[in-house]
């Protein structure tokens, strides 16, 4: 059985054990931006229940144009007002550079991507940068609070990152 088929078989909605009908707007009015790292489940980490938050995941949990797009839809069409940004220790995005990946892709495909990979060396610094990107976006006018954190993958400790200095 393939991994995809296994996930289809696990579908809790189909088996009747899912949460059932609920509103599409998150009840906590929060959107969480998190890394796609498979070691950490943001739902479990934060004790989220179905329907409470939007969880947006990408490589590094970086605030990219596409994350801004998702946050805009989350706010303007589904009523979220808070943004929680979470990076983590031992992130794979700190193990290579944008240039490394661009070169690899160009070597194997003959094409160089136009998009930034958004690697980083320091999770806290990147959280600060991501917080600023949310705060400065002219499209995220519904944001009442934006906070950033780094979670330790070994202990699960969630440490708030001091906001950028003005």
C-alpha atoms as a PDB file:
ATOM      1  CA  UNK A   1       0.000   0.000   0.000  1.00  0.00           C
ATOM      2  CA  UNK A   2       1.294   3.476  -0.808  1.00  0.00           C
ATOM      3  CA  UNK A   3       1.513   6.203   1.819  1.00  0.00           C
ATOM      4  CA  UNK A   4      -1.247   8.141   0.085  1.00  0.00           C
ATOM      5  CA  UNK A   5      -3.549   5.109   0.084  1.00  0.00           C
ATOM      6  CA  UNK A   6      -2.834   4.566   3.783  1.00  0.00           C
ATOM      7  CA  UNK A   7      -3.873   8.176   4.501  1.00  0.00           C
ATOM      8  CA  UNK A   8      -7.049   7.717   2.469  1.00  0.00           C
ATOM      9  CA  UNK A   9      -7.859   4.664   4.598  1.00  0.00           C
ATOM     10  CA  UNK A  10      -7.278   6.660   7.805  1.00  0.00           C
ATOM     11  CA  UNK A  11      -9.750   9.389   6.792  1.00  0.00           C
ATOM     12  CA  UNK A  12     -11.609  10.010  10.058  1.00  0.00           C
ATOM     13  CA  UNK A  13     -14.429  11.920   8.363  1.00  0.00           C
ATOM     14  CA  UNK A  14     -15.229   8.931   6.176  1.00  0.00           C
ATOM     15  CA  UNK A  15     -15.185   6.538   9.133  1.00  0.00           C
ATOM     16  CA  UNK A  16     -17.526   8.769  11.116  1.00  0.00           C
ATOM     17  CA  UNK A  17     -15.003   9.660  13.828  1.00  0.00           C
ATOM     18  CA  UNK A  18     -14.250  13.165  12.526  1.00  0.00           C
ATOM     19  CA  UNK A  19     -15.373  16.334  14.296  1.00  0.00           C
ATOM     20  CA  UNK A  20     -18.587  16.704  12.322  1.00  0.00           C
ATOM     21  CA  UNK A  21     -20.057  19.889  10.845  1.00  0.00           C
ATOM     22  CA  UNK A  22     -18.596  23.214  11.964  1.00  0.00           C
ATOM     23  CA  UNK A  23     -18.137  26.779  10.729  1.00  0.00           C
ATOM     24  CA  UNK A  24     -15.223  27.379   8.358  1.00  0.00           C
ATOM     25  CA  UNK A  25     -14.104  30.476  10.287  1.00  0.00           C
ATOM     26  CA  UNK A  26     -11.640  29.596  13.077  1.00  0.00           C
ATOM     27  CA  UNK A  27     -13.279  30.065  16.479  1.00  0.00           C
ATOM     28  CA  UNK A  28     -10.106  31.430  18.115  1.00  0.00           C
ATOM     29  CA  UNK A  29      -9.670  33.941  15.275  1.00  0.00           C
ATOM     30  CA  UNK A  30      -5.989  33.011  14.972  1.00  0.00           C
ATOM     31  CA  UNK A  31      -3.776  31.884  12.109  1.00  0.00           C
ATOM     32  CA  UNK A  32      -0.608  29.950  12.931  1.00  0.00           C
ATOM     33  CA  UNK A  33       2.341  29.925  10.519  1.00  0.00           C
ATOM     34  CA  UNK A  34       4.534  26.891  11.117  1.00  0.00           C
ATOM     35  CA  UNK A  35       7.310  24.890   9.499  1.00  0.00           C
ATOM     36  CA  UNK A  36       6.391  21.771   7.544  1.00  0.00           C
ATOM     37  CA  UNK A  37       8.853  19.664   9.592  1.00  0.00           C
ATOM     38  CA  UNK A  38       7.243  16.257  10.147  1.00  0.00           C
ATOM     39  CA  UNK A  39       8.679  15.926  13.677  1.00  0.00           C
ATOM     40  CA  UNK A  40       6.318  18.546  15.081  1.00  0.00           C
ATOM     41  CA  UNK A  41       2.543  18.570  14.899  1.00  0.00           C
ATOM     42  CA  UNK A  42       1.332  22.139  15.504  1.00  0.00           C
ATOM     43  CA  UNK A  43      -2.156  20.893  16.375  1.00  0.00           C
ATOM     44  CA  UNK A  44      -0.770  18.650  19.111  1.00  0.00           C
ATOM     45  CA  UNK A  45       1.875  21.177  20.210  1.00  0.00           C
ATOM     46  CA  UNK A  46      -0.709  23.908  20.755  1.00  0.00           C
ATOM     47  CA  UNK A  47      -3.571  21.671  21.869  1.00  0.00           C
ATOM     48  CA  UNK A  48      -5.734  22.844  18.976  1.00  0.00           C
ATOM     49  CA  UNK A  49      -9.134  21.345  18.397  1.00  0.00           C
ATOM     50  CA  UNK A  50     -10.825  21.183  14.998  1.00  0.00           C
ATOM     51  CA  UNK A  51     -12.224  24.527  13.938  1.00  0.00           C
ATOM     52  CA  UNK A  52     -10.096  26.688  16.247  1.00  0.00           C
ATOM     53  CA  UNK A  53      -7.308  28.004  14.001  1.00  0.00           C
ATOM     54  CA  UNK A  54      -5.905  28.168  10.521  1.00  0.00           C
ATOM     55  CA  UNK A  55      -2.542  26.412  10.344  1.00  0.00           C
ATOM     56  CA  UNK A  56      -0.348  27.485   7.427  1.00  0.00           C
ATOM     57  CA  UNK A  57       2.773  25.391   6.878  1.00  0.00           C
ATOM     58  CA  UNK A  58       5.768  25.739   4.598  1.00  0.00           C
ATOM     59  CA  UNK A  59       9.498  25.043   4.607  1.00  0.00           C
ATOM     60  CA  UNK A  60      10.861  26.990   7.580  1.00  0.00           C
ATOM     61  CA  UNK A  61       7.572  28.603   8.559  1.00  0.00           C
ATOM     62  CA  UNK A  62       8.774  31.658   6.678  1.00  0.00           C
ATOM     63  CA  UNK A  63       6.427  34.535   5.843  1.00  0.00           C
ATOM     64  CA  UNK A  64       6.551  34.524   2.046  1.00  0.00           C
ATOM     65  CA  UNK A  65       4.228  36.204  -0.456  1.00  0.00           C
ATOM     66  CA  UNK A  66       2.136  33.030  -0.479  1.00  0.00           C
ATOM     67  CA  UNK A  67       1.838  33.058   3.314  1.00  0.00           C
ATOM     68  CA  UNK A  68       0.724  36.697   3.129  1.00  0.00           C
ATOM     69  CA  UNK A  69      -1.860  35.607   0.534  1.00  0.00           C
ATOM     70  CA  UNK A  70      -3.169  32.888   2.873  1.00  0.00           C
ATOM     71  CA  UNK A  71      -3.213  35.274   5.854  1.00  0.00           C
ATOM     72  CA  UNK A  72      -5.159  37.847   3.817  1.00  0.00           C
ATOM     73  CA  UNK A  73      -7.818  35.254   2.948  1.00  0.00           C
ATOM     74  CA  UNK A  74      -7.815  34.060   6.567  1.00  0.00           C
ATOM     75  CA  UNK A  75      -8.403  37.600   7.834  1.00  0.00           C
ATOM     76  CA  UNK A  76     -10.547  39.217   5.187  1.00  0.00           C
ATOM     77  CA  UNK A  77     -12.798  36.283   4.378  1.00  0.00           C
ATOM     78  CA  UNK A  78     -12.742  34.178   7.547  1.00  0.00           C
ATOM     79  CA  UNK A  79     -12.316  36.675  10.379  1.00  0.00           C
ATOM     80  CA  UNK A  80      -8.933  35.924  11.948  1.00  0.00           C
ATOM     81  CA  UNK A  81      -7.243  38.806  13.731  1.00  0.00           C
ATOM     82  CA  UNK A  82      -4.162  37.276  15.388  1.00  0.00           C
ATOM     83  CA  UNK A  83      -1.071  35.722  13.808  1.00  0.00           C
ATOM     84  CA  UNK A  84       1.230  33.316  15.628  1.00  0.00           C
ATOM     85  CA  UNK A  85       4.566  32.545  13.953  1.00  0.00           C
ATOM     86  CA  UNK A  86       6.498  29.455  15.037  1.00  0.00           C
ATOM     87  CA  UNK A  87       9.954  28.294  13.958  1.00  0.00           C
ATOM     88  CA  UNK A  88      11.872  25.461  15.623  1.00  0.00           C
ATOM     89  CA  UNK A  89      15.335  24.321  16.625  1.00  0.00           C
ATOM     90  CA  UNK A  90      17.272  21.976  14.329  1.00  0.00           C
ATOM     91  CA  UNK A  91      15.444  23.256  11.252  1.00  0.00           C
ATOM     92  CA  UNK A  92      16.606  21.858   7.934  1.00  0.00           C
ATOM     93  CA  UNK A  93      16.367  25.358   6.413  1.00  0.00           C
ATOM     94  CA  UNK A  94      19.509  26.241   8.377  1.00  0.00           C
ATOM     95  CA  UNK A  95      21.540  23.432   6.783  1.00  0.00           C
ATOM     96  CA  UNK A  96      21.927  24.887   3.283  1.00  0.00           C
ATOM     97  CA  UNK A  97      21.675  28.214   1.465  1.00  0.00           C
ATOM     98  CA  UNK A  98      19.367  29.565  -1.211  1.00  0.00           C
ATOM     99  CA  UNK A  99      22.333  29.529  -3.592  1.00  0.00           C
ATOM    100  CA  UNK A 100      23.026  25.827  -2.858  1.00  0.00           C
ATOM    101  CA  UNK A 101      19.497  24.819  -3.827  1.00  0.00           C
ATOM    102  CA  UNK A 102      19.319  27.158  -6.823  1.00  0.00           C
ATOM    103  CA  UNK A 103      22.586  25.701  -8.145  1.00  0.00           C
ATOM    104  CA  UNK A 104      21.373  22.144  -7.602  1.00  0.00           C
ATOM    105  CA  UNK A 105      18.126  22.864  -9.435  1.00  0.00           C
ATOM    106  CA  UNK A 106      19.901  24.619 -12.288  1.00  0.00           C
ATOM    107  CA  UNK A 107      22.345  21.732 -12.605  1.00  0.00           C
ATOM    108  CA  UNK A 108      19.629  19.066 -12.721  1.00  0.00           C
ATOM    109  CA  UNK A 109      16.902  20.895 -14.652  1.00  0.00           C
ATOM    110  CA  UNK A 110      18.724  23.600 -16.577  1.00  0.00           C
ATOM    111  CA  UNK A 111      16.465  26.185 -14.925  1.00  0.00           C
ATOM    112  CA  UNK A 112      17.116  28.608 -12.089  1.00  0.00           C
ATOM    113  CA  UNK A 113      14.012  29.377  -9.995  1.00  0.00           C
ATOM    114  CA  UNK A 114      12.841  32.969  -9.715  1.00  0.00           C
ATOM    115  CA  UNK A 115      11.617  32.439  -6.143  1.00  0.00           C
ATOM    116  CA  UNK A 116      13.602  32.800  -2.944  1.00  0.00           C
ATOM    117  CA  UNK A 117      14.174  29.648  -0.919  1.00  0.00           C
ATOM    118  CA  UNK A 118      14.282  31.720   2.306  1.00  0.00           C
ATOM    119  CA  UNK A 119      16.919  29.708   4.164  1.00  0.00           C
ATOM    120  CA  UNK A 120      18.206  31.146   7.436  1.00  0.00           C
ATOM    121  CA  UNK A 121      20.997  30.592   9.926  1.00  0.00           C
ATOM    122  CA  UNK A 122      19.220  31.677  13.096  1.00  0.00           C
ATOM    123  CA  UNK A 123      15.599  30.778  13.880  1.00  0.00           C
ATOM    124  CA  UNK A 124      15.073  33.708  16.269  1.00  0.00           C
ATOM    125  CA  UNK A 125      16.305  36.261  13.743  1.00  0.00           C
ATOM    126  CA  UNK A 126      14.087  34.787  11.073  1.00  0.00           C
ATOM    127  CA  UNK A 127      11.084  34.865  13.416  1.00  0.00           C
ATOM    128  CA  UNK A 128      11.736  38.583  13.959  1.00  0.00           C
ATOM    129  CA  UNK A 129      11.921  39.126  10.207  1.00  0.00           C
ATOM    130  CA  UNK A 130       8.674  37.210   9.714  1.00  0.00           C
ATOM    131  CA  UNK A 131       6.935  39.231  12.442  1.00  0.00           C
ATOM    132  CA  UNK A 132       8.001  42.419  10.658  1.00  0.00           C
ATOM    133  CA  UNK A 133       6.732  41.134   7.314  1.00  0.00           C
ATOM    134  CA  UNK A 134       3.297  40.556   8.824  1.00  0.00           C
ATOM    135  CA  UNK A 135       3.280  43.914  10.605  1.00  0.00           C
ATOM    136  CA  UNK A 136       4.365  45.813   7.496  1.00  0.00           C
ATOM    137  CA  UNK A 137       2.035  44.137   5.023  1.00  0.00           C
ATOM    138  CA  UNK A 138      -0.436  46.713   3.725  1.00  0.00           C
ATOM    139  CA  UNK A 139      -2.913  43.879   3.151  1.00  0.00           C
ATOM    140  CA  UNK A 140      -3.058  42.586   6.737  1.00  0.00           C
ATOM    141  CA  UNK A 141      -4.954  45.479   8.265  1.00  0.00           C
ATOM    142  CA  UNK A 142      -7.089  43.182  10.438  1.00  0.00           C
ATOM    143  CA  UNK A 143      -4.121  42.027  12.552  1.00  0.00           C
ATOM    144  CA  UNK A 144      -4.577  42.916  16.219  1.00  0.00           C
ATOM    145  CA  UNK A 145      -1.631  40.860  17.458  1.00  0.00           C
ATOM    146  CA  UNK A 146       1.367  39.114  15.917  1.00  0.00           C
ATOM    147  CA  UNK A 147       3.788  37.115  18.067  1.00  0.00           C
ATOM    148  CA  UNK A 148       6.697  34.850  17.230  1.00  0.00           C
ATOM    149  CA  UNK A 149       8.085  31.745  18.922  1.00  0.00           C
ATOM    150  CA  UNK A 150      10.740  29.064  18.585  1.00  0.00           C
ATOM    151  CA  UNK A 151       9.888  25.541  19.723  1.00  0.00           C
ATOM    152  CA  UNK A 152      12.621  23.185  20.890  1.00  0.00           C
ATOM    153  CA  UNK A 153      12.188  19.918  18.959  1.00  0.00           C
ATOM    154  CA  UNK A 154      13.714  17.890  21.802  1.00  0.00           C
ATOM    155  CA  UNK A 155      11.684  19.276  24.714  1.00  0.00           C
ATOM    156  CA  UNK A 156       8.625  20.886  23.120  1.00  0.00           C
ATOM    157  CA  UNK A 157       9.367  24.129  24.991  1.00  0.00           C
ATOM    158  CA  UNK A 158       7.838  27.109  23.225  1.00  0.00           C
ATOM    159  CA  UNK A 159       9.940  30.259  23.741  1.00  0.00           C
ATOM    160  CA  UNK A 160       8.655  33.653  22.707  1.00  0.00           C
ATOM    161  CA  UNK A 161      11.033  35.714  20.589  1.00  0.00           C
ATOM    162  CA  UNK A 162      11.396  39.323  21.658  1.00  0.00           C
ATOM    163  CA  UNK A 163       9.912  41.615  19.015  1.00  0.00           C
ATOM    164  CA  UNK A 164      12.248  43.493  16.687  1.00  0.00           C
ATOM    165  CA  UNK A 165      13.695  46.685  18.104  1.00  0.00           C
ATOM    166  CA  UNK A 166      12.103  49.849  16.674  1.00  0.00           C
END
